[in-house]
Amino acid sequence: MSDHPIRNGPRPRAVAVLAVAALMAALMAALGTVGASPAYAAADDTEPPTAPGPITVVASGTTWIELAWAASTDNVGVVGYVVSARFEDNGRTWSTDTNSIRITDLGPSRTYIFSVAGLDAAGNRSPSSGTLRLTMPPGDDQAPSAPGQPVAYDVAATLVWLRWTPSIENVVLDRYEVYRVDAGGQLALVRELYQYPPSPTITQVSGLMPNTTYTFVVRARDEAGNWSALSPPATVTTLPPPPSCAVRTVVRQWPDGLVANLVVKNTGTTAVRGWTMSWRFWAAQQLRGLWGAQVVDRTSSYLRVRDAGYNALIPPGGSVSVGFIATGTQAPEEVTLNGGTCVVADK
């Protein structure tokens, strides 16, 4: 039996091995795991990934689609993709960390334009892939109901406004089309009124001939391409050419309001039978009272009125008087009668 004392600690060679292992562990902790980029690499990375490959359709339904594309490459690593879709003037985006995606809540029969871009850890974005234009399968075989019969209003010499009761559609309405019915029943498209987003069923038809009779019909189309039946026809006769006219304005003002009286004279040789009148009326002004006419509408710059029935006829040399009370101190300017600009009369 040896008389050397028993050593309980590790042998010197074992201590050295442990020290080296500890040092290596510290280095690995500082640099990251084997095969990983250093911690500062993302901040220093300014090189974007390459563009993803062409987009392909894996599967689709009427409201969903699965897309895939060849992956981007990067000097450090690609961390995800941004997928964009555009429908008309509207856009949406999605993100995915793989080179495929399933997108839901799309519209049947709508045409989308898809594109994809890759992202790396530093936030560098690749050029977009080539676009994919795709029309979703139709999910609707039911046509909209026929629009209501158009009603003509605010008729002038070369234009007319039309309004109608909307169609009833079971999914999504795409647009209305307004047609002029020519001799022999031929239809000529004069206006398209798109309904994305939905808009009032009111439109203006311009470029008409004065003192001419026209017939109009309307039909609706849904996003699946189904057409409604034609509406009942509306027939309207445009007014004669705008009359020559002169206007005199009498205005009484106070610090925050006015009362005005417009006397408009028919200086032409043809009687005016029914009229609309407009003048400059600023957005900040509020109409407090009106006589001799009825309001048609107002914009941010003009007030438009029409005859009150009893004064619809203005014979040659005759005149009509329209008065109003309003806030503000801006007197009427740029007065028109049936679309014709009236000259300012001295008396």
Protein backbone atom coordinates (compact mmCIF):
# COMPACT_ATOMS: atom_id res chain seq x y z
CA MET A 1 0.00 0.00 0.00
CA SER A 2 1.37 3.46 -0.97
CA ASP A 3 1.99 5.94 1.79
CA HIS A 4 1.11 8.99 -0.44
CA PRO A 5 -1.97 10.86 0.66
CA ILE A 6 -5.09 10.44 -1.49
CA ARG A 7 -5.87 13.55 -3.71
CA ASN A 8 -9.56 14.41 -3.93
CA GLY A 9 -9.29 17.19 -6.69
CA PRO A 10 -8.75 16.80 -10.44
CA ARG A 11 -5.38 15.97 -11.80
CA PRO A 12 -3.32 18.86 -13.36
CA ARG A 13 -4.00 17.68 -16.95
CA ALA A 14 -7.74 17.55 -16.24
CA VAL A 15 -7.61 21.12 -14.89
CA ALA A 16 -5.96 22.32 -18.10
CA VAL A 17 -8.58 20.61 -20.23
CA LEU A 18 -11.36 22.21 -18.21
CA ALA A 19 -9.75 25.66 -18.56
CA VAL A 20 -9.54 25.32 -22.34
CA ALA A 21 -13.14 24.16 -22.50
CA ALA A 22 -14.25 27.15 -20.43
CA LEU A 23 -12.38 29.52 -22.74
CA MET A 24 -13.93 27.98 -25.84
CA ALA A 25 -17.38 28.25 -24.29
CA ALA A 26 -16.79 31.94 -23.61
CA LEU A 27 -15.67 32.51 -27.19
CA MET A 28 -18.64 30.67 -28.57
CA ALA A 29 -20.98 32.72 -26.41
CA ALA A 30 -19.41 35.90 -27.75
CA LEU A 31 -19.55 34.83 -31.40
CA GLY A 32 -22.79 32.88 -31.33
CA THR A 33 -23.32 29.24 -32.08
CA VAL A 34 -21.39 27.42 -34.76
CA GLY A 35 -22.65 28.44 -38.23
CA ALA A 36 -24.56 31.53 -37.01
CA SER A 37 -23.73 35.09 -38.07
CA PRO A 38 -22.10 37.41 -35.51
CA ALA A 39 -24.49 39.59 -33.52
CA TYR A 40 -23.38 42.72 -35.36
CA ALA A 41 -23.88 41.25 -38.83
CA ALA A 42 -27.55 42.33 -39.22
CA ALA A 43 -26.78 45.94 -38.39
CA ASP A 44 -23.92 46.01 -40.89
CA ASP A 45 -25.87 44.23 -43.66
CA THR A 46 -26.95 46.61 -46.44
CA GLU A 47 -27.26 44.08 -49.24
CA PRO A 48 -30.89 43.21 -50.12
CA PRO A 49 -32.00 39.70 -51.02
CA THR A 50 -32.51 38.75 -54.62
CA ALA A 51 -35.99 38.99 -56.11
CA PRO A 52 -38.22 35.97 -55.45
CA GLY A 53 -38.94 33.68 -58.36
CA PRO A 54 -42.15 33.75 -60.41
CA ILE A 55 -45.40 33.37 -58.47
CA THR A 56 -47.42 30.25 -59.15
CA VAL A 57 -50.94 29.29 -58.10
CA VAL A 58 -51.05 26.15 -55.98
CA ALA A 59 -54.81 26.08 -55.44
CA SER A 60 -57.75 28.49 -55.38
CA GLY A 61 -61.45 28.85 -54.64
CA THR A 62 -63.91 31.66 -55.19
CA THR A 63 -62.65 33.65 -52.16
CA TRP A 64 -59.19 32.17 -51.37
CA ILE A 65 -55.92 31.32 -53.06
CA GLU A 66 -52.63 29.53 -52.29
CA LEU A 67 -49.50 30.97 -53.88
CA ALA A 68 -45.86 29.80 -53.99
CA TRP A 69 -42.66 31.19 -55.46
CA ALA A 70 -38.96 30.40 -55.76
CA ALA A 71 -37.15 31.60 -52.64
CA SER A 72 -34.95 34.69 -52.53
CA THR A 73 -31.26 34.33 -51.67
CA ASP A 74 -29.26 36.62 -49.42
CA ASN A 75 -25.66 37.04 -48.22
CA VAL A 76 -26.83 36.60 -44.61
CA GLY A 77 -30.27 35.09 -44.66
CA VAL A 78 -33.88 35.69 -45.75
CA VAL A 79 -36.28 35.98 -42.81
CA GLY A 80 -39.61 36.47 -44.61
CA TYR A 81 -41.66 37.80 -47.50
CA VAL A 82 -44.18 40.59 -48.08
CA VAL A 83 -47.04 39.65 -50.40
CA SER A 84 -49.03 42.46 -52.03
CA ALA A 85 -52.32 42.37 -53.92
CA ARG A 86 -53.92 45.22 -55.84
CA PHE A 87 -57.56 45.39 -56.95
CA GLU A 88 -58.35 48.50 -58.99
CA ASP A 89 -57.13 51.37 -56.78
CA ASN A 90 -57.08 49.37 -53.54
CA GLY A 91 -54.17 47.43 -52.10
CA ARG A 92 -53.55 44.89 -49.31
CA THR A 93 -50.40 43.24 -47.93
CA TRP A 94 -49.61 40.06 -46.00
CA SER A 95 -46.39 38.63 -44.49
CA THR A 96 -45.06 35.09 -44.35
CA ASP A 97 -41.78 33.46 -43.24
CA THR A 98 -41.96 30.82 -45.97
CA ASN A 99 -42.07 31.00 -49.77
CA SER A 100 -45.80 30.22 -49.89
CA ILE A 101 -49.00 31.70 -48.48
CA ARG A 102 -52.75 31.10 -48.28
CA ILE A 103 -54.84 34.25 -48.68
CA THR A 104 -58.53 34.39 -47.79
CA ASP A 105 -61.33 36.99 -47.91
CA LEU A 106 -60.86 37.72 -51.61
CA GLY A 107 -63.76 38.65 -53.87
CA PRO A 108 -65.26 36.27 -56.42
CA SER A 109 -64.65 37.29 -60.03
CA ARG A 110 -62.34 40.14 -59.00
CA THR A 111 -59.05 40.60 -60.83
CA TYR A 112 -56.04 40.93 -58.52
CA ILE A 113 -52.40 41.72 -59.28
CA PHE A 114 -50.06 39.89 -56.86
CA SER A 115 -46.36 40.56 -56.17
CA VAL A 116 -43.81 39.32 -53.61
CA ALA A 117 -40.65 40.83 -52.06
CA GLY A 118 -38.11 39.17 -49.73
CA LEU A 119 -36.81 40.62 -46.44
CA ASP A 120 -33.59 39.94 -44.54
CA ALA A 121 -32.87 40.39 -40.82
CA ALA A 122 -31.50 43.90 -41.37
CA GLY A 123 -34.75 45.00 -42.98
CA ASN A 124 -33.39 45.10 -46.52
CA ARG A 125 -36.15 44.50 -49.05
CA SER A 126 -35.58 42.73 -52.32
CA PRO A 127 -36.90 43.89 -55.68
CA SER A 128 -40.42 42.63 -56.28
CA SER A 129 -41.04 39.44 -58.14
CA GLY A 130 -42.76 39.55 -61.46
CA THR A 131 -46.47 40.29 -61.01
CA LEU A 132 -49.22 37.72 -61.32
CA ARG A 133 -52.54 38.97 -62.70
CA LEU A 134 -55.36 36.66 -61.72
CA THR A 135 -59.14 36.77 -61.95
CA MET A 136 -60.80 34.83 -59.16
CA PRO A 137 -63.31 32.13 -60.12
CA PRO A 138 -66.92 33.31 -60.23
CA GLY A 139 -68.97 32.56 -57.15
CA ASP A 140 -72.24 34.07 -58.30
CA ASP A 141 -74.61 33.00 -61.07
CA GLN A 142 -77.50 35.28 -60.10
CA ALA A 143 -77.96 38.52 -62.03
CA PRO A 144 -78.87 41.80 -60.32
CA SER A 145 -82.42 43.03 -60.56
CA ALA A 146 -83.18 45.67 -63.19
CA PRO A 147 -82.57 49.26 -62.05
CA GLY A 148 -85.58 51.48 -61.57
CA GLN A 149 -86.78 53.75 -64.36
CA PRO A 150 -84.42 56.73 -64.68
CA VAL A 151 -85.80 60.13 -63.73
CA ALA A 152 -84.47 63.15 -65.62
CA TYR A 153 -83.97 66.35 -63.63
CA ASP A 154 -82.04 69.58 -63.88
CA VAL A 155 -82.32 69.48 -67.67
CA ALA A 156 -80.22 72.01 -69.61
CA ALA A 157 -79.50 72.63 -73.27
CA THR A 158 -76.59 70.21 -73.59
CA LEU A 159 -76.81 68.02 -70.49
CA VAL A 160 -79.22 66.20 -68.23
CA TRP A 161 -78.98 64.61 -64.80
CA LEU A 162 -80.46 61.13 -64.29
CA ARG A 163 -81.24 59.22 -61.10
CA TRP A 164 -82.78 55.77 -60.57
CA THR A 165 -83.66 53.24 -57.91
CA PRO A 166 -80.69 50.88 -57.28
CA SER A 167 -80.61 47.26 -58.39
CA ILE A 168 -80.77 44.46 -55.83
CA GLU A 169 -77.68 42.20 -55.91
CA ASN A 170 -77.01 39.04 -53.88
CA VAL A 171 -73.19 39.42 -53.72
CA VAL A 172 -71.38 42.53 -54.97
CA LEU A 173 -72.50 45.02 -57.62
CA ASP A 174 -69.77 46.13 -60.03
CA ARG A 175 -71.28 49.00 -62.03
CA TYR A 176 -74.20 50.61 -63.81
CA GLU A 177 -74.14 51.45 -67.49
CA VAL A 178 -76.30 54.22 -68.95
CA TYR A 179 -77.31 53.93 -72.59
CA ARG A 180 -78.86 56.29 -75.10
CA VAL A 181 -81.49 54.53 -77.20
CA ASP A 182 -80.95 55.59 -80.80
CA ALA A 183 -83.25 55.22 -83.80
CA GLY A 184 -84.06 51.58 -84.43
CA GLY A 185 -83.52 50.68 -80.79
CA GLN A 186 -79.72 50.66 -80.97
CA LEU A 187 -77.98 51.22 -77.62
CA ALA A 188 -75.08 53.66 -77.28
CA LEU A 189 -73.13 53.64 -74.01
CA VAL A 190 -72.90 57.15 -72.57
CA ARG A 191 -71.90 56.64 -68.91
CA GLU A 192 -70.41 54.01 -66.58
CA LEU A 193 -70.99 54.35 -62.85
CA TYR A 194 -68.70 52.01 -60.90
CA GLN A 195 -69.86 50.83 -57.49
CA TYR A 196 -66.54 50.09 -55.78
CA PRO A 197 -66.94 51.75 -53.38
CA PRO A 198 -70.75 52.05 -53.65
CA SER A 199 -71.91 55.45 -54.91
CA PRO A 200 -75.31 57.13 -55.38
CA THR A 201 -77.27 56.15 -58.48
CA ILE A 202 -77.04 59.63 -59.97
CA THR A 203 -75.10 60.69 -63.04
CA GLN A 204 -74.79 63.47 -65.57
CA VAL A 205 -75.04 62.91 -69.31
CA SER A 206 -73.44 65.75 -71.26
CA GLY A 207 -72.58 66.53 -74.87
CA LEU A 208 -76.25 66.60 -75.94
CA MET A 209 -77.88 68.77 -78.57
CA PRO A 210 -80.16 71.63 -77.49
CA ASN A 211 -83.91 71.27 -77.99
CA THR A 212 -83.60 67.56 -78.78
CA THR A 213 -85.50 64.53 -77.42
CA TYR A 214 -83.48 61.63 -75.99
CA THR A 215 -84.34 58.25 -74.46
CA PHE A 216 -82.13 56.61 -71.83
CA VAL A 217 -82.03 53.19 -70.13
CA VAL A 218 -79.79 51.75 -67.40
CA ARG A 219 -78.58 48.24 -66.60
CA ALA A 220 -76.44 46.77 -63.80
CA ARG A 221 -73.52 44.31 -63.79
CA ASP A 222 -72.26 42.32 -60.80
CA GLU A 223 -68.65 41.31 -60.18
CA ALA A 224 -69.25 37.84 -61.62
CA GLY A 225 -70.18 39.41 -64.96
CA ASN A 226 -73.95 38.85 -64.70
CA TRP A 227 -76.02 41.57 -66.36
CA SER A 228 -79.43 42.77 -65.22
CA ALA A 229 -82.33 43.43 -67.53
CA LEU A 230 -82.62 46.96 -68.89
CA SER A 231 -84.52 49.49 -66.85
CA PRO A 232 -87.72 51.02 -68.20
CA PRO A 233 -86.83 53.92 -70.54
CA ALA A 234 -86.81 57.60 -69.66
CA THR A 235 -87.46 60.20 -72.36
CA VAL A 236 -86.43 63.83 -71.98
CA THR A 237 -86.16 66.88 -74.21
CA THR A 238 -83.22 69.21 -73.69
CA LEU A 239 -83.75 72.93 -73.42
CA PRO A 240 -83.16 75.43 -76.21
CA PRO A 241 -79.71 77.03 -76.38
CA PRO A 242 -78.83 79.13 -73.33
CA PRO A 243 -80.58 82.49 -73.52
CA SER A 244 -78.86 85.82 -73.60
CA CYS A 245 -79.37 87.44 -70.25
CA ALA A 246 -78.39 90.36 -68.09
CA VAL A 247 -78.46 90.61 -64.32
CA ARG A 248 -78.82 93.46 -61.85
CA THR A 249 -78.02 92.80 -58.20
CA VAL A 250 -79.14 94.85 -55.23
CA VAL A 251 -77.36 93.95 -52.00
CA ARG A 252 -77.73 95.22 -48.42
CA GLN A 253 -74.95 94.08 -46.11
CA TRP A 254 -74.17 94.08 -42.41
CA PRO A 255 -71.05 92.78 -40.61
CA ASP A 256 -71.98 89.08 -40.76
CA GLY A 257 -74.70 88.78 -43.39
CA LEU A 258 -76.52 90.16 -46.40
CA VAL A 259 -79.81 90.26 -48.27
CA ALA A 260 -79.60 90.19 -52.07
CA ASN A 261 -82.07 90.56 -54.91
CA LEU A 262 -81.12 89.34 -58.41
CA VAL A 263 -83.15 90.58 -61.37
CA VAL A 264 -82.33 88.48 -64.44
CA LYS A 265 -83.56 89.70 -67.82
CA ASN A 266 -84.01 87.63 -70.98
CA THR A 267 -82.18 89.75 -73.56
CA GLY A 268 -82.68 87.21 -76.34
CA THR A 269 -85.46 86.83 -78.91
CA THR A 270 -86.74 83.42 -77.70
CA ALA A 271 -88.84 82.80 -74.62
CA VAL A 272 -87.29 80.84 -71.75
CA ARG A 273 -89.63 78.08 -70.61
CA GLY A 274 -88.30 76.68 -67.37
CA TRP A 275 -84.94 77.72 -65.98
CA THR A 276 -82.13 77.01 -63.58
CA MET A 277 -79.91 79.73 -62.21
CA SER A 278 -76.59 79.59 -60.37
CA TRP A 279 -74.21 82.07 -58.80
CA ARG A 280 -71.02 82.11 -56.75
CA PHE A 281 -71.83 81.07 -53.17
CA TRP A 282 -68.87 80.45 -50.90
CA ALA A 283 -68.53 77.35 -48.72
CA ALA A 284 -68.56 79.38 -45.49
CA GLN A 285 -71.88 81.04 -46.37
CA GLN A 286 -75.16 79.69 -45.03
CA LEU A 287 -78.47 80.25 -46.79
CA ARG A 288 -81.07 81.67 -44.38
CA GLY A 289 -83.93 82.41 -46.77
CA LEU A 290 -84.86 82.22 -50.47
CA TRP A 291 -87.78 83.51 -52.54
CA GLY A 292 -88.67 83.40 -56.24
CA ALA A 293 -86.89 80.04 -56.70
CA GLN A 294 -86.27 76.59 -55.24
CA VAL A 295 -82.86 75.15 -54.29
CA VAL A 296 -81.54 72.44 -56.61
CA ASP A 297 -78.17 71.89 -54.92
CA ARG A 298 -75.04 73.62 -53.76
CA THR A 299 -71.34 72.85 -54.05
CA SER A 300 -68.41 74.36 -52.21
CA SER A 301 -68.48 77.28 -54.66
CA TYR A 302 -71.95 77.66 -56.18
CA LEU A 303 -75.63 77.73 -55.28
CA ARG A 304 -78.03 76.44 -57.94
CA VAL A 305 -81.78 77.11 -57.96
CA ARG A 306 -84.70 76.57 -60.34
CA ASP A 307 -87.91 78.36 -61.12
CA ALA A 308 -90.75 78.31 -58.63
CA GLY A 309 -93.31 77.22 -61.24
CA TYR A 310 -95.28 80.45 -61.48
CA ASN A 311 -92.23 82.28 -62.93
CA ALA A 312 -90.95 79.52 -65.26
CA LEU A 313 -91.71 81.56 -68.40
CA ILE A 314 -89.42 84.49 -69.22
CA PRO A 315 -90.52 86.11 -72.49
CA PRO A 316 -88.05 88.09 -74.62
CA GLY A 317 -87.37 91.30 -72.74
CA GLY A 318 -88.95 89.85 -69.59
CA SER A 319 -87.23 89.25 -66.28
CA VAL A 320 -87.41 87.21 -63.09
CA SER A 321 -86.44 88.22 -59.59
CA VAL A 322 -84.75 85.94 -57.07
CA GLY A 323 -83.88 87.03 -53.54
CA PHE A 324 -82.06 85.45 -50.63
CA ILE A 325 -80.67 86.08 -47.15
CA ALA A 326 -77.32 84.54 -46.22
CA THR A 327 -74.46 84.77 -43.78
CA GLY A 328 -71.21 86.36 -44.90
CA THR A 329 -70.78 89.44 -47.04
CA GLN A 330 -69.93 87.93 -50.44
CA ALA A 331 -72.33 89.34 -53.05
CA PRO A 332 -73.52 87.10 -55.93
CA GLU A 333 -71.11 86.78 -58.87
CA GLU A 334 -70.89 84.67 -62.06
CA VAL A 335 -74.65 84.40 -62.49
CA THR A 336 -75.84 81.91 -65.12
CA LEU A 337 -79.28 81.17 -66.58
CA ASN A 338 -79.81 77.71 -68.12
CA GLY A 339 -76.05 77.36 -68.47
CA GLY A 340 -75.55 80.72 -70.18
CA THR A 341 -73.47 83.36 -68.43
CA CYS A 342 -75.36 86.58 -67.76
CA VAL A 343 -73.67 89.93 -68.28
CA VAL A 344 -73.85 92.49 -65.50
CA ALA A 345 -76.27 95.24 -66.44
CA ASP A 346 -75.78 98.84 -65.38
CA LYS A 347 -79.50 99.33 -64.94
